[in-house]
Amino acid sequence: MSLSDHIKPISYLKANAAKIAEELKNDGEAYIITQNGEAAMVVQSVAEYEQTQETLAMLKLITQSDQDIEQGNVHDAKTVLAELRNRRGL
């Protein structure tokens, strides 16, 4: 299904909520819901939402890592491993 098939007015959502929920579970393609002719919300499955949140969290970690590198907040692996072994008494 194309994205244009998943743009629906809010009245469609109200009348077909169970059908939409089933489609979201099966194909995962989100719906864009309009109100008064303008995009008002996105309806997506819980699985898709969770995947999106995980992706955003990973991107935030990558961004933070890049910032740490730029600021020089890094340590070489040998030093870190030696420090960990020392703390553990190994």
PDB file of N, CA and C in Angstrom:
ATOM      1  N   MET A   1       0.831  -1.183   0.000  1.00  0.00           N
ATOM      2  CA  MET A   1       0.000   0.000   0.000  1.00  0.00           C
ATOM      3  C   MET A   1       0.879   1.250   0.000  1.00  0.00           C
ATOM      4  N   SER A   2       0.466   2.254  -0.717  1.00  0.00           N
ATOM      5  CA  SER A   2       1.240   3.493  -0.766  1.00  0.00           C
ATOM      6  C   SER A   2       0.826   4.410   0.377  1.00  0.00           C
ATOM      7  N   LEU A   3       1.676   5.385   0.657  1.00  0.00           N
ATOM      8  CA  LEU A   3       1.391   6.327   1.729  1.00  0.00           C
ATOM      9  C   LEU A   3       0.070   7.040   1.502  1.00  0.00           C
ATOM     10  N   SER A   4      -0.235   7.378   0.262  1.00  0.00           N
ATOM     11  CA  SER A   4      -1.485   8.094  -0.019  1.00  0.00           C
ATOM     12  C   SER A   4      -2.717   7.275   0.352  1.00  0.00           C
ATOM     13  N   ASP A   5      -2.583   5.951   0.356  1.00  0.00           N
ATOM     14  CA  ASP A   5      -3.696   5.095   0.784  1.00  0.00           C
ATOM     15  C   ASP A   5      -3.883   5.137   2.297  1.00  0.00           C
ATOM     16  N   HIS A   6      -2.891   5.637   3.004  1.00  0.00           N
ATOM     17  CA  HIS A   6      -2.942   5.665   4.465  1.00  0.00           C
ATOM     18  C   HIS A   6      -3.137   7.071   5.013  1.00  0.00           C
ATOM     19  N   ILE A   7      -3.606   7.986   4.193  1.00  0.00           N
ATOM     20  CA  ILE A   7      -3.991   9.312   4.649  1.00  0.00           C
ATOM     21  C   ILE A   7      -5.511   9.320   4.703  1.00  0.00           C
ATOM     22  N   LYS A   8      -6.046   9.447   5.906  1.00  0.00           N
ATOM     23  CA  LYS A   8      -7.492   9.329   6.089  1.00  0.00           C
ATOM     24  C   LYS A   8      -7.997  10.442   6.997  1.00  0.00           C
ATOM     25  N   PRO A   9      -9.256  10.843   6.811  1.00  0.00           N
ATOM     26  CA  PRO A   9      -9.846  11.831   7.720  1.00  0.00           C
ATOM     27  C   PRO A   9     -10.170  11.185   9.072  1.00  0.00           C
ATOM     28  N   ILE A  10     -10.316  12.002  10.068  1.00  0.00           N
ATOM     29  CA  ILE A  10     -10.578  11.496  11.410  1.00  0.00           C
ATOM     30  C   ILE A  10     -11.883  10.704  11.462  1.00  0.00           C
ATOM     31  N   SER A  11     -12.835  11.045  10.609  1.00  0.00           N
ATOM     32  CA  SER A  11     -14.097  10.294  10.569  1.00  0.00           C
ATOM     33  C   SER A  11     -13.858   8.841  10.157  1.00  0.00           C
ATOM     34  N   TYR A  12     -12.880   8.619   9.273  1.00  0.00           N
ATOM     35  CA  TYR A  12     -12.538   7.252   8.863  1.00  0.00           C
ATOM     36  C   TYR A  12     -11.956   6.486  10.043  1.00  0.00           C
ATOM     37  N   LEU A  13     -11.105   7.145  10.802  1.00  0.00           N
ATOM     38  CA  LEU A  13     -10.526   6.505  11.989  1.00  0.00           C
ATOM     39  C   LEU A  13     -11.624   6.109  12.970  1.00  0.00           C
ATOM     40  N   LYS A  14     -12.556   7.016  13.214  1.00  0.00           N
ATOM     41  CA  LYS A  14     -13.654   6.738  14.142  1.00  0.00           C
ATOM     42  C   LYS A  14     -14.499   5.544  13.677  1.00  0.00           C
ATOM     43  N   ALA A  15     -14.777   5.490  12.388  1.00  0.00           N
ATOM     44  CA  ALA A  15     -15.650   4.443  11.844  1.00  0.00           C
ATOM     45  C   ALA A  15     -14.943   3.112  11.628  1.00  0.00           C
ATOM     46  N   ASN A  16     -13.614   3.131  11.529  1.00  0.00           N
ATOM     47  CA  ASN A  16     -12.877   1.917  11.153  1.00  0.00           C
ATOM     48  C   ASN A  16     -11.725   1.606  12.100  1.00  0.00           C
ATOM     49  N   ALA A  17     -11.847   1.958  13.362  1.00  0.00           N
ATOM     50  CA  ALA A  17     -10.748   1.797  14.311  1.00  0.00           C
ATOM     51  C   ALA A  17     -10.257   0.344  14.384  1.00  0.00           C
ATOM     52  N   ALA A  18     -11.166  -0.606  14.461  1.00  0.00           N
ATOM     53  CA  ALA A  18     -10.762  -2.012  14.572  1.00  0.00           C
ATOM     54  C   ALA A  18     -10.028  -2.476  13.312  1.00  0.00           C
ATOM     55  N   LYS A  19     -10.514  -2.063  12.146  1.00  0.00           N
ATOM     56  CA  LYS A  19      -9.879  -2.420  10.881  1.00  0.00           C
ATOM     57  C   LYS A  19      -8.470  -1.820  10.802  1.00  0.00           C
ATOM     58  N   ILE A  20      -8.342  -0.572  11.199  1.00  0.00           N
ATOM     59  CA  ILE A  20      -7.036   0.087  11.179  1.00  0.00           C
ATOM     60  C   ILE A  20      -6.081  -0.598  12.133  1.00  0.00           C
ATOM     61  N   ALA A  21      -6.566  -0.934  13.326  1.00  0.00           N
ATOM     62  CA  ALA A  21      -5.713  -1.614  14.310  1.00  0.00           C
ATOM     63  C   ALA A  21      -5.192  -2.928  13.749  1.00  0.00           C
ATOM     64  N   GLU A  22      -6.045  -3.669  13.069  1.00  0.00           N
ATOM     65  CA  GLU A  22      -5.635  -4.944  12.477  1.00  0.00           C
ATOM     66  C   GLU A  22      -4.598  -4.730  11.373  1.00  0.00           C
ATOM     67  N   GLU A  23      -4.821  -3.729  10.531  1.00  0.00           N
ATOM     68  CA  GLU A  23      -3.863  -3.437   9.467  1.00  0.00           C
ATOM     69  C   GLU A  23      -2.513  -3.015  10.042  1.00  0.00           C
ATOM     70  N   LEU A  24      -2.529  -2.239  11.097  1.00  0.00           N
ATOM     71  CA  LEU A  24      -1.286  -1.801  11.731  1.00  0.00           C
ATOM     72  C   LEU A  24      -0.505  -2.984  12.274  1.00  0.00           C
ATOM     73  N   LYS A  25      -1.215  -3.952  12.836  1.00  0.00           N
ATOM     74  CA  LYS A  25      -0.552  -5.153  13.349  1.00  0.00           C
ATOM     75  C   LYS A  25       0.049  -5.970  12.205  1.00  0.00           C
ATOM     76  N   ASN A  26      -0.666  -6.035  11.086  1.00  0.00           N
ATOM     77  CA  ASN A  26      -0.239  -6.880   9.971  1.00  0.00           C
ATOM     78  C   ASN A  26       0.865  -6.270   9.124  1.00  0.00           C
ATOM     79  N   ASP A  27       0.712  -5.011   8.725  1.00  0.00           N
ATOM     80  CA  ASP A  27       1.720  -4.448   7.818  1.00  0.00           C
ATOM     81  C   ASP A  27       2.555  -3.338   8.442  1.00  0.00           C
ATOM     82  N   GLY A  28       2.147  -2.826   9.577  1.00  0.00           N
ATOM     83  CA  GLY A  28       2.951  -1.848  10.297  1.00  0.00           C
ATOM     84  C   GLY A  28       3.010  -0.469   9.676  1.00  0.00           C
ATOM     85  N   GLU A  29       2.337  -0.268   8.538  1.00  0.00           N
ATOM     86  CA  GLU A  29       2.386   1.034   7.878  1.00  0.00           C
ATOM     87  C   GLU A  29       1.459   2.012   8.593  1.00  0.00           C
ATOM     88  N   ALA A  30       2.019   3.109   9.045  1.00  0.00           N
ATOM     89  CA  ALA A  30       1.279   4.092   9.832  1.00  0.00           C
ATOM     90  C   ALA A  30       0.214   4.806   8.996  1.00  0.00           C
ATOM     91  N   TYR A  31      -0.778   5.352   9.687  1.00  0.00           N
ATOM     92  CA  TYR A  31      -1.806   6.169   9.073  1.00  0.00           C
ATOM     93  C   TYR A  31      -1.575   7.619   9.454  1.00  0.00           C
ATOM     94  N   ILE A  32      -1.765   8.506   8.486  1.00  0.00           N
ATOM     95  CA  ILE A  32      -1.790   9.930   8.772  1.00  0.00           C
ATOM     96  C   ILE A  32      -3.258  10.318   8.809  1.00  0.00           C
ATOM     97  N   ILE A  33      -3.681  10.868   9.935  1.00  0.00           N
ATOM     98  CA  ILE A  33      -5.082  11.238  10.131  1.00  0.00           C
ATOM     99  C   ILE A  33      -5.207  12.747   9.991  1.00  0.00           C
ATOM    100  N   THR A  34      -6.179  13.155   9.174  1.00  0.00           N
ATOM    101  CA  THR A  34      -6.404  14.579   8.954  1.00  0.00           C
ATOM    102  C   THR A  34      -7.632  15.052   9.712  1.00  0.00           C
ATOM    103  N   GLN A  35      -7.609  16.330  10.030  1.00  0.00           N
ATOM    104  CA  GLN A  35      -8.768  16.967  10.659  1.00  0.00           C
ATOM    105  C   GLN A  35      -8.922  18.327   9.992  1.00  0.00           C
ATOM    106  N   ASN A  36     -10.094  18.592   9.481  1.00  0.00           N
ATOM    107  CA  ASN A  36     -10.361  19.825   8.732  1.00  0.00           C
ATOM    108  C   ASN A  36      -9.375  19.997   7.574  1.00  0.00           C
ATOM    109  N   GLY A  37      -9.021  18.876   6.932  1.00  0.00           N
ATOM    110  CA  GLY A  37      -8.179  18.914   5.758  1.00  0.00           C
ATOM    111  C   GLY A  37      -6.686  19.031   6.009  1.00  0.00           C
ATOM    112  N   GLU A  38      -6.282  19.086   7.279  1.00  0.00           N
ATOM    113  CA  GLU A  38      -4.862  19.205   7.605  1.00  0.00           C
ATOM    114  C   GLU A  38      -4.407  18.002   8.416  1.00  0.00           C
ATOM    115  N   ALA A  39      -3.153  17.610   8.226  1.00  0.00           N
ATOM    116  CA  ALA A  39      -2.596  16.502   9.002  1.00  0.00           C
ATOM    117  C   ALA A  39      -2.685  16.836  10.482  1.00  0.00           C
ATOM    118  N   ALA A  40      -3.236  15.896  11.274  1.00  0.00           N
ATOM    119  CA  ALA A  40      -3.435  16.142  12.698  1.00  0.00           C
ATOM    120  C   ALA A  40      -2.684  15.143  13.570  1.00  0.00           C
ATOM    121  N   MET A  41      -2.511  13.914  13.083  1.00  0.00           N
ATOM    122  CA  MET A  41      -1.851  12.902  13.900  1.00  0.00           C
ATOM    123  C   MET A  41      -1.373  11.747  13.043  1.00  0.00           C
ATOM    124  N   VAL A  42      -0.498  10.960  13.640  1.00  0.00           N
ATOM    125  CA  VAL A  42      -0.034   9.725  13.028  1.00  0.00           C
ATOM    126  C   VAL A  42      -0.456   8.596  13.945  1.00  0.00           C
ATOM    127  N   VAL A  43      -1.049   7.577  13.365  1.00  0.00           N
ATOM    128  CA  VAL A  43      -1.456   6.398  14.126  1.00  0.00           C
ATOM    129  C   VAL A  43      -0.570   5.252  13.655  1.00  0.00           C
ATOM    130  N   GLN A  44       0.121   4.628  14.607  1.00  0.00           N
ATOM    131  CA  GLN A  44       1.007   3.533  14.252  1.00  0.00           C
ATOM    132  C   GLN A  44       0.890   2.424  15.283  1.00  0.00           C
ATOM    133  N   SER A  45       1.370   1.258  14.927  1.00  0.00           N
ATOM    134  CA  SER A  45       1.313   0.117  15.836  1.00  0.00           C
ATOM    135  C   SER A  45       2.282   0.323  16.985  1.00  0.00           C
ATOM    136  N   VAL A  46       2.040  -0.371  18.071  1.00  0.00           N
ATOM    137  CA  VAL A  46       2.927  -0.295  19.225  1.00  0.00           C
ATOM    138  C   VAL A  46       4.321  -0.795  18.850  1.00  0.00           C
ATOM    139  N   ALA A  47       4.381  -1.843  18.058  1.00  0.00           N
ATOM    140  CA  ALA A  47       5.681  -2.390  17.642  1.00  0.00           C
ATOM    141  C   ALA A  47       6.479  -1.351  16.858  1.00  0.00           C
ATOM    142  N   GLU A  48       5.837  -0.659  15.930  1.00  0.00           N
ATOM    143  CA  GLU A  48       6.513   0.387  15.162  1.00  0.00           C
ATOM    144  C   GLU A  48       6.939   1.533  16.063  1.00  0.00           C
ATOM    145  N   TYR A  49       6.079   1.907  17.007  1.00  0.00           N
ATOM    146  CA  TYR A  49       6.407   2.988  17.941  1.00  0.00           C
ATOM    147  C   TYR A  49       7.635   2.617  18.769  1.00  0.00           C
ATOM    148  N   GLU A  50       7.645   1.397  19.301  1.00  0.00           N
ATOM    149  CA  GLU A  50       8.788   0.949  20.099  1.00  0.00           C
ATOM    150  C   GLU A  50      10.067   0.938  19.276  1.00  0.00           C
ATOM    151  N   GLN A  51       9.987   0.482  18.035  1.00  0.00           N
ATOM    152  CA  GLN A  51      11.164   0.461  17.177  1.00  0.00           C
ATOM    153  C   GLN A  51      11.661   1.883  16.912  1.00  0.00           C
ATOM    154  N   THR A  52      10.739   2.795  16.692  1.00  0.00           N
ATOM    155  CA  THR A  52      11.105   4.194  16.478  1.00  0.00           C
ATOM    156  C   THR A  52      11.802   4.764  17.708  1.00  0.00           C
ATOM    157  N   GLN A  53      11.276   4.468  18.891  1.00  0.00           N
ATOM    158  CA  GLN A  53      11.878   4.966  20.128  1.00  0.00           C
ATOM    159  C   GLN A  53      13.276   4.390  20.331  1.00  0.00           C
ATOM    160  N   GLU A  54      13.456   3.118  20.027  1.00  0.00           N
ATOM    161  CA  GLU A  54      14.777   2.490  20.143  1.00  0.00           C
ATOM    162  C   GLU A  54      15.769   3.123  19.172  1.00  0.00           C
ATOM    163  N   THR A  55      15.306   3.403  17.966  1.00  0.00           N
ATOM    164  CA  THR A  55      16.162   4.042  16.973  1.00  0.00           C
ATOM    165  C   THR A  55      16.576   5.433  17.430  1.00  0.00           C
ATOM    166  N   LEU A  56      15.623   6.194  17.968  1.00  0.00           N
ATOM    167  CA  LEU A  56      15.938   7.530  18.470  1.00  0.00           C
ATOM    168  C   LEU A  56      16.934   7.469  19.624  1.00  0.00           C
ATOM    169  N   ALA A  57      16.759   6.512  20.517  1.00  0.00           N
ATOM    170  CA  ALA A  57      17.687   6.369  21.642  1.00  0.00           C
ATOM    171  C   ALA A  57      19.092   6.055  21.136  1.00  0.00           C
ATOM    172  N   MET A  58      19.199   5.184  20.146  1.00  0.00           N
ATOM    173  CA  MET A  58      20.505   4.843  19.578  1.00  0.00           C
ATOM    174  C   MET A  58      21.138   6.065  18.914  1.00  0.00           C
ATOM    175  N   LEU A  59      20.350   6.829  18.180  1.00  0.00           N
ATOM    176  CA  LEU A  59      20.876   8.036  17.545  1.00  0.00           C
ATOM    177  C   LEU A  59      21.358   9.048  18.575  1.00  0.00           C
ATOM    178  N   LYS A  60      20.652   9.149  19.704  1.00  0.00           N
ATOM    179  CA  LYS A  60      21.093  10.047  20.778  1.00  0.00           C
ATOM    180  C   LYS A  60      22.427   9.594  21.356  1.00  0.00           C
ATOM    181  N   LEU A  61      22.593   8.285  21.530  1.00  0.00           N
ATOM    182  CA  LEU A  61      23.864   7.761  22.036  1.00  0.00           C
ATOM    183  C   LEU A  61      25.009   8.046  21.057  1.00  0.00           C
ATOM    184  N   ILE A  62      24.742   7.879  19.789  1.00  0.00           N
ATOM    185  CA  ILE A  62      25.764   8.155  18.782  1.00  0.00           C
ATOM    186  C   ILE A  62      26.135   9.639  18.796  1.00  0.00           C
ATOM    187  N   THR A  63      25.133  10.496  18.897  1.00  0.00           N
ATOM    188  CA  THR A  63      25.385  11.933  18.955  1.00  0.00           C
ATOM    189  C   THR A  63      26.220  12.294  20.173  1.00  0.00           C
ATOM    190  N   GLN A  64      25.878  11.712  21.318  1.00  0.00           N
ATOM    191  CA  GLN A  64      26.642  11.973  22.541  1.00  0.00           C
ATOM    192  C   GLN A  64      28.076  11.475  22.392  1.00  0.00           C
ATOM    193  N   SER A  65      28.243  10.328  21.779  1.00  0.00           N
ATOM    194  CA  SER A  65      29.586   9.789  21.549  1.00  0.00           C
ATOM    195  C   SER A  65      30.398  10.711  20.653  1.00  0.00           C
ATOM    196  N   ASP A  66      29.773  11.211  19.598  1.00  0.00           N
ATOM    197  CA  ASP A  66      30.460  12.142  18.702  1.00  0.00           C
ATOM    198  C   ASP A  66      30.886  13.406  19.453  1.00  0.00           C
ATOM    199  N   GLN A  67      30.008  13.897  20.315  1.00  0.00           N
ATOM    200  CA  GLN A  67      30.335  15.092  21.104  1.00  0.00           C
ATOM    201  C   GLN A  67      31.494  14.812  22.059  1.00  0.00           C
ATOM    202  N   ASP A  68      31.487  13.638  22.688  1.00  0.00           N
ATOM    203  CA  ASP A  68      32.587  13.263  23.586  1.00  0.00           C
ATOM    204  C   ASP A  68      33.915  13.220  22.827  1.00  0.00           C
ATOM    205  N   ILE A  69      33.889  12.664  21.632  1.00  0.00           N
ATOM    206  CA  ILE A  69      35.106  12.583  20.821  1.00  0.00           C
ATOM    207  C   ILE A  69      35.600  13.989  20.474  1.00  0.00           C
ATOM    208  N   GLU A  70      34.677  14.847  20.043  1.00  0.00           N
ATOM    209  CA  GLU A  70      35.043  16.221  19.682  1.00  0.00           C
ATOM    210  C   GLU A  70      35.637  16.978  20.877  1.00  0.00           C
ATOM    211  N   GLN A  71      35.119  16.701  22.081  1.00  0.00           N
ATOM    212  CA  GLN A  71      35.575  17.397  23.282  1.00  0.00           C
ATOM    213  C   GLN A  71      36.800  16.734  23.906  1.00  0.00           C
ATOM    214  N   GLY A  72      37.247  15.642  23.319  1.00  0.00           N
ATOM    215  CA  GLY A  72      38.424  14.964  23.838  1.00  0.00           C
ATOM    216  C   GLY A  72      38.152  14.102  25.063  1.00  0.00           C
ATOM    217  N   ASN A  73      36.897  13.801  25.335  1.00  0.00           N
ATOM    218  CA  ASN A  73      36.521  12.953  26.474  1.00  0.00           C
ATOM    219  C   ASN A  73      36.614  11.478  26.080  1.00  0.00           C
ATOM    220  N   VAL A  74      37.827  11.056  25.768  1.00  0.00           N
ATOM    221  CA  VAL A  74      38.052   9.679  25.341  1.00  0.00           C
ATOM    222  C   VAL A  74      39.256   9.088  26.065  1.00  0.00           C
ATOM    223  N   HIS A  75      39.293   7.772  26.138  1.00  0.00           N
ATOM    224  CA  HIS A  75      40.413   7.047  26.754  1.00  0.00           C
ATOM    225  C   HIS A  75      40.718   5.846  25.878  1.00  0.00           C
ATOM    226  N   ASP A  76      41.983   5.513  25.761  1.00  0.00           N
ATOM    227  CA  ASP A  76      42.314   4.355  24.941  1.00  0.00           C
ATOM    228  C   ASP A  76      41.934   3.074  25.684  1.00  0.00           C
ATOM    229  N   ALA A  77      41.672   2.038  24.915  1.00  0.00           N
ATOM    230  CA  ALA A  77      41.172   0.777  25.464  1.00  0.00           C
ATOM    231  C   ALA A  77      42.142   0.148  26.457  1.00  0.00           C
ATOM    232  N   LYS A  78      43.433   0.188  26.178  1.00  0.00           N
ATOM    233  CA  LYS A  78      44.415  -0.423  27.089  1.00  0.00           C
ATOM    234  C   LYS A  78      44.347   0.210  28.481  1.00  0.00           C
ATOM    235  N   THR A  79      44.258   1.527  28.512  1.00  0.00           N
ATOM    236  CA  THR A  79      44.198   2.234  29.798  1.00  0.00           C
ATOM    237  C   THR A  79      42.925   1.882  30.555  1.00  0.00           C
ATOM    238  N   VAL A  80      41.804   1.868  29.857  1.00  0.00           N
ATOM    239  CA  VAL A  80      40.521   1.562  30.500  1.00  0.00           C
ATOM    240  C   VAL A  80      40.519   0.129  31.025  1.00  0.00           C
ATOM    241  N   LEU A  81      40.965  -0.823  30.225  1.00  0.00           N
ATOM    242  CA  LEU A  81      40.989  -2.221  30.659  1.00  0.00           C
ATOM    243  C   LEU A  81      41.935  -2.411  31.848  1.00  0.00           C
ATOM    244  N   ALA A  82      43.077  -1.765  31.821  1.00  0.00           N
ATOM    245  CA  ALA A  82      44.011  -1.864  32.948  1.00  0.00           C
ATOM    246  C   ALA A  82      43.388  -1.289  34.214  1.00  0.00           C
ATOM    247  N   GLU A  83      42.686  -0.186  34.069  1.00  0.00           N
ATOM    248  CA  GLU A  83      42.026   0.432  35.220  1.00  0.00           C
ATOM    249  C   GLU A  83      40.934  -0.482  35.780  1.00  0.00           C
ATOM    250  N   LEU A  84      40.162  -1.092  34.921  1.00  0.00           N
ATOM    251  CA  LEU A  84      39.109  -2.012  35.370  1.00  0.00           C
ATOM    252  C   LEU A  84      39.707  -3.231  36.071  1.00  0.00           C
ATOM    253  N   ARG A  85      40.757  -3.788  35.495  1.00  0.00           N
ATOM    254  CA  ARG A  85      41.415  -4.952  36.138  1.00  0.00           C
ATOM    255  C   ARG A  85      41.974  -4.563  37.503  1.00  0.00           C
ATOM    256  N   ASN A  86      42.546  -3.383  37.585  1.00  0.00           N
ATOM    257  CA  ASN A  86      43.095  -2.907  38.851  1.00  0.00           C
ATOM    258  C   ASN A  86      41.991  -2.755  39.907  1.00  0.00           C
ATOM    259  N   ARG A  87      40.854  -2.193  39.524  1.00  0.00           N
ATOM    260  CA  ARG A  87      39.728  -2.033  40.459  1.00  0.00           C
ATOM    261  C   ARG A  87      39.213  -3.372  40.956  1.00  0.00           C
ATOM    262  N   ARG A  88      39.239  -4.360  40.091  1.00  0.00           N
ATOM    263  CA  ARG A  88      38.714  -5.687  40.437  1.00  0.00           C
ATOM    264  C   ARG A  88      39.790  -6.579  41.092  1.00  0.00           C
ATOM    265  N   GLY A  89      40.995  -6.090  41.136  1.00  0.00           N
ATOM    266  CA  GLY A  89      42.073  -6.851  41.733  1.00  0.00           C
ATOM    267  C   GLY A  89      42.533  -8.003  40.881  1.00  0.00           C
ATOM    268  N   LEU A  90      42.443  -7.862  39.605  1.00  0.00           N
ATOM    269  CA  LEU A  90      42.845  -8.927  38.670  1.00  0.00           C
ATOM    270  C   LEU A  90      44.245  -8.726  38.166  1.00  0.00           C
TER     271      LEU A  90
END
